Amino acid sequence: MAIDGVTVNPGDLVVGDDDGLFVIPPHRADALAEAAETKQAQEQEKRSALAAEFPDWFC
């Protein structure tokens, strides 16, 4: 199956967030999960810093 030109195979993981969707082949899932968790932690740190500096933005 293909979605907007991207092939999706049985067993692939389809992941989505505010930025869109992407397809992960099972053999790459572990490596990509580690990178995604690191990025998620960095984004949370940025949100926390912004919330501390600009609390009105996060009502």
C-alpha atoms as a PDB file:
ATOM      1  CA  MET A   1       0.000   0.000   0.000  1.00  0.00           C
ATOM      2  CA  ALA A   2       1.199   3.532  -0.626  1.00  0.00           C
ATOM      3  CA  ILE A   3       0.075   6.784   0.959  1.00  0.00           C
ATOM      4  CA  ASP A   4       1.044   9.946  -0.884  1.00  0.00           C
ATOM      5  CA  GLY A   5       3.880   8.072  -2.573  1.00  0.00           C
ATOM      6  CA  VAL A   6       5.213   6.433   0.617  1.00  0.00           C
ATOM      7  CA  THR A   7       5.100   2.641   0.666  1.00  0.00           C
ATOM      8  CA  VAL A   8       3.678   1.067   3.817  1.00  0.00           C
ATOM      9  CA  ASN A   9       4.463  -2.632   4.248  1.00  0.00           C
ATOM     10  CA  PRO A  10       2.883  -5.148   6.627  1.00  0.00           C
ATOM     11  CA  GLY A  11       4.597  -4.828  10.001  1.00  0.00           C
ATOM     12  CA  ASP A  12       5.677  -1.216   9.493  1.00  0.00           C
ATOM     13  CA  LEU A  13       5.019   1.202  12.311  1.00  0.00           C
ATOM     14  CA  VAL A  14       3.107   4.335  11.386  1.00  0.00           C
ATOM     15  CA  VAL A  15       3.850   7.137  13.835  1.00  0.00           C
ATOM     16  CA  GLY A  16       2.304  10.568  13.940  1.00  0.00           C
ATOM     17  CA  ASP A  17       2.666  13.808  15.851  1.00  0.00           C
ATOM     18  CA  ASP A  18       1.940  17.488  15.292  1.00  0.00           C
ATOM     19  CA  ASP A  19       4.436  17.523  12.430  1.00  0.00           C
ATOM     20  CA  GLY A  20       2.848  14.700  10.444  1.00  0.00           C
ATOM     21  CA  LEU A  21       3.119  10.946   9.896  1.00  0.00           C
ATOM     22  CA  PHE A  22       6.044   8.711   9.083  1.00  0.00           C
ATOM     23  CA  VAL A  23       6.577   5.027   8.454  1.00  0.00           C
ATOM     24  CA  ILE A  24       9.211   3.000  10.299  1.00  0.00           C
ATOM     25  CA  PRO A  25      10.304  -0.445   9.134  1.00  0.00           C
ATOM     26  CA  PRO A  26      10.462  -2.869  12.095  1.00  0.00           C
ATOM     27  CA  HIS A  27      14.234  -3.439  11.744  1.00  0.00           C
ATOM     28  CA  ARG A  28      14.871   0.290  12.362  1.00  0.00           C
ATOM     29  CA  ALA A  29      12.415   0.785  15.229  1.00  0.00           C
ATOM     30  CA  ASP A  30      14.858   0.383  18.147  1.00  0.00           C
ATOM     31  CA  ALA A  31      17.428   2.829  16.800  1.00  0.00           C
ATOM     32  CA  LEU A  32      14.801   5.391  15.884  1.00  0.00           C
ATOM     33  CA  ALA A  33      13.008   5.017  19.218  1.00  0.00           C
ATOM     34  CA  GLU A  34      16.157   5.999  21.103  1.00  0.00           C
ATOM     35  CA  ALA A  35      16.629   9.102  18.963  1.00  0.00           C
ATOM     36  CA  ALA A  36      12.950  10.019  19.343  1.00  0.00           C
ATOM     37  CA  GLU A  37      13.093   9.685  23.128  1.00  0.00           C
ATOM     38  CA  THR A  38      16.146  11.956  23.245  1.00  0.00           C
ATOM     39  CA  LYS A  39      14.406  14.570  21.098  1.00  0.00           C
ATOM     40  CA  GLN A  40      11.249  14.328  23.213  1.00  0.00           C
ATOM     41  CA  ALA A  41      13.270  14.976  26.383  1.00  0.00           C
ATOM     42  CA  GLN A  42      14.974  17.988  24.782  1.00  0.00           C
ATOM     43  CA  GLU A  43      11.628  19.429  23.712  1.00  0.00           C
ATOM     44  CA  GLN A  44      10.233  18.954  27.221  1.00  0.00           C
ATOM     45  CA  GLU A  45      13.223  20.811  28.673  1.00  0.00           C
ATOM     46  CA  LYS A  46      12.565  23.699  26.276  1.00  0.00           C
ATOM     47  CA  ARG A  47       8.855  23.770  27.192  1.00  0.00           C
ATOM     48  CA  SER A  48       9.706  23.781  30.897  1.00  0.00           C
ATOM     49  CA  ALA A  49      12.163  26.643  30.453  1.00  0.00           C
ATOM     50  CA  LEU A  50       9.613  28.648  28.479  1.00  0.00           C
ATOM     51  CA  ALA A  51       6.889  27.930  31.045  1.00  0.00           C
ATOM     52  CA  ALA A  52       9.164  29.171  33.830  1.00  0.00           C
ATOM     53  CA  GLU A  53      10.049  32.349  31.944  1.00  0.00           C
ATOM     54  CA  PHE A  54       6.606  33.024  30.420  1.00  0.00           C
ATOM     55  CA  PRO A  55       3.973  31.352  32.656  1.00  0.00           C
ATOM     56  CA  ASP A  56       1.124  33.269  30.992  1.00  0.00           C
ATOM     57  CA  TRP A  57       1.774  31.379  27.766  1.00  0.00           C
ATOM     58  CA  PHE A  58       0.917  28.081  29.461  1.00  0.00           C
ATOM     59  CA  CYS A  59      -2.409  28.843  31.181  1.00  0.00           C
END
